[in-house]
C-alpha cells in the first residue's frame, strides 16, 4: 500500500487501495485520528479496471481533511494463505 494519496480528481493516486491478489476474501478498514471508521470494504471482486475498490478520501459524502489515517487489512489469498497488516497513509489535498 502507498504511504500517501491525493484524491484530487487528476486520475493519479486518487484512490487508496490494496493491490495484488487474486483475493478470496478481504477486510480493509481506514480510521481517522479519533479512531472513527471512515472506510471499510469486504468486496474482494475486481472492478472493470482490474482493481479492487478503495477509499476515495471521503467520509459521509464529504472530503476528509488532510492528515494521517490508520489502515488495517486481512486478506485471504487464492492459496488460502491469510495476510494481516496495518499501517498509516497520508491524505494530501
Protein backbone atom coordinates (compact mmCIF):
# COMPACT_ATOMS: atom_id res chain seq x y z
CA UNK A 1 0.00 0.00 0.00
CA UNK A 2 1.22 3.53 -0.67
CA UNK A 3 2.15 5.84 2.20
CA UNK A 4 0.14 8.70 0.74
CA UNK A 5 -2.53 9.54 -1.80
CA UNK A 6 -4.11 12.67 -3.26
CA UNK A 7 -7.80 12.33 -4.12
CA UNK A 8 -7.93 15.47 -6.26
CA UNK A 9 -9.51 14.06 -9.41
CA UNK A 10 -6.39 14.24 -11.59
CA UNK A 11 -6.53 10.50 -12.33
CA UNK A 12 -3.28 9.76 -10.50
CA UNK A 13 -3.16 8.31 -7.00
CA UNK A 14 -6.81 9.30 -6.34
CA UNK A 15 -7.85 6.05 -4.64
CA UNK A 16 -6.21 4.31 -1.67
CA UNK A 17 -6.46 0.58 -2.33
CA UNK A 18 -4.82 -2.80 -1.88
CA UNK A 19 -3.03 -4.04 -4.99
CA UNK A 20 -2.28 -7.68 -5.65
CA UNK A 21 -4.35 -10.75 -5.47
CA UNK A 22 -6.36 -12.51 -6.54
CA UNK A 23 -8.02 -12.47 -3.13
CA UNK A 24 -10.62 -14.94 -1.88
CA UNK A 25 -11.62 -12.62 0.93
CA UNK A 26 -10.71 -9.14 2.12
CA UNK A 27 -11.42 -6.96 5.15
CA UNK A 28 -9.96 -3.47 4.59
CA UNK A 29 -10.57 -0.59 7.02
CA UNK A 30 -9.37 3.02 7.34
CA UNK A 31 -9.65 5.07 10.56
CA UNK A 32 -9.18 8.77 11.33
CA UNK A 33 -7.15 10.25 14.21
CA UNK A 34 -10.07 9.74 16.62
CA UNK A 35 -10.41 6.07 15.79
CA UNK A 36 -13.59 6.56 13.75
CA UNK A 37 -14.03 4.12 10.89
CA UNK A 38 -14.05 6.28 7.74
CA UNK A 39 -13.88 3.49 5.14
CA UNK A 40 -14.48 -0.25 5.09
CA UNK A 41 -14.87 -2.90 2.42
CA UNK A 42 -15.13 -6.65 2.24
CA UNK A 43 -15.52 -6.64 -1.55
CA UNK A 44 -12.80 -8.88 -2.98
CA UNK A 45 -14.14 -8.57 -6.54
CA UNK A 46 -12.13 -6.59 -9.05
CA UNK A 47 -13.87 -3.83 -10.97
CA UNK A 48 -13.84 -3.29 -14.72
CA UNK A 49 -10.44 -1.59 -14.38
CA UNK A 50 -8.97 -4.76 -12.82
CA UNK A 51 -8.60 -3.11 -9.41
CA UNK A 52 -10.35 -3.66 -6.12
CA UNK A 53 -12.46 -0.85 -4.77
CA UNK A 54 -10.68 1.54 -2.44
CA UNK A 55 -11.06 4.66 -0.32
CA UNK A 56 -11.65 7.85 -2.29
CA UNK A 57 -10.79 10.17 0.60
CA UNK A 58 -14.40 10.94 1.50
CA UNK A 59 -16.33 10.27 4.70
CA UNK A 60 -20.12 10.55 4.90
CA UNK A 61 -20.14 12.10 1.44
CA UNK A 62 -17.71 14.89 2.34
CA UNK A 63 -13.97 15.22 1.63
CA UNK A 64 -11.93 14.09 4.62
CA UNK A 65 -9.36 16.61 5.86
CA UNK A 66 -5.72 16.20 5.02
CA UNK A 67 -3.83 14.21 7.58
CA UNK A 68 -2.63 10.78 8.58
CA UNK A 69 -5.09 7.89 8.66
CA UNK A 70 -4.59 4.37 10.03
CA UNK A 71 -5.45 1.30 7.97
CA UNK A 72 -5.79 -2.41 8.62
CA UNK A 73 -6.40 -5.31 6.32
CA UNK A 74 -6.86 -9.04 6.47
CA UNK A 75 -6.81 -10.82 3.11
CA UNK A 76 -7.11 -14.45 2.16
CA UNK A 77 -5.15 -15.31 -0.97
CA UNK A 78 -6.18 -17.84 -3.61
CA UNK A 79 -3.93 -20.45 -1.91
CA UNK A 80 -5.78 -19.85 1.43
CA UNK A 81 -2.82 -18.00 2.98
CA UNK A 82 -4.05 -15.24 5.33
CA UNK A 83 -2.15 -11.94 5.50
CA UNK A 84 -2.79 -9.34 8.21
CA UNK A 85 -1.20 -5.89 8.05
CA UNK A 86 -1.69 -2.39 9.39
CA UNK A 87 -0.09 0.98 8.86
CA UNK A 88 -0.85 4.57 8.04
CA UNK A 89 -1.45 6.69 4.97
CA UNK A 90 -1.24 10.45 4.49
CA UNK A 91 -4.17 12.04 2.69
CA UNK A 92 -2.89 15.06 0.74
CA UNK A 93 -5.27 17.74 -0.56
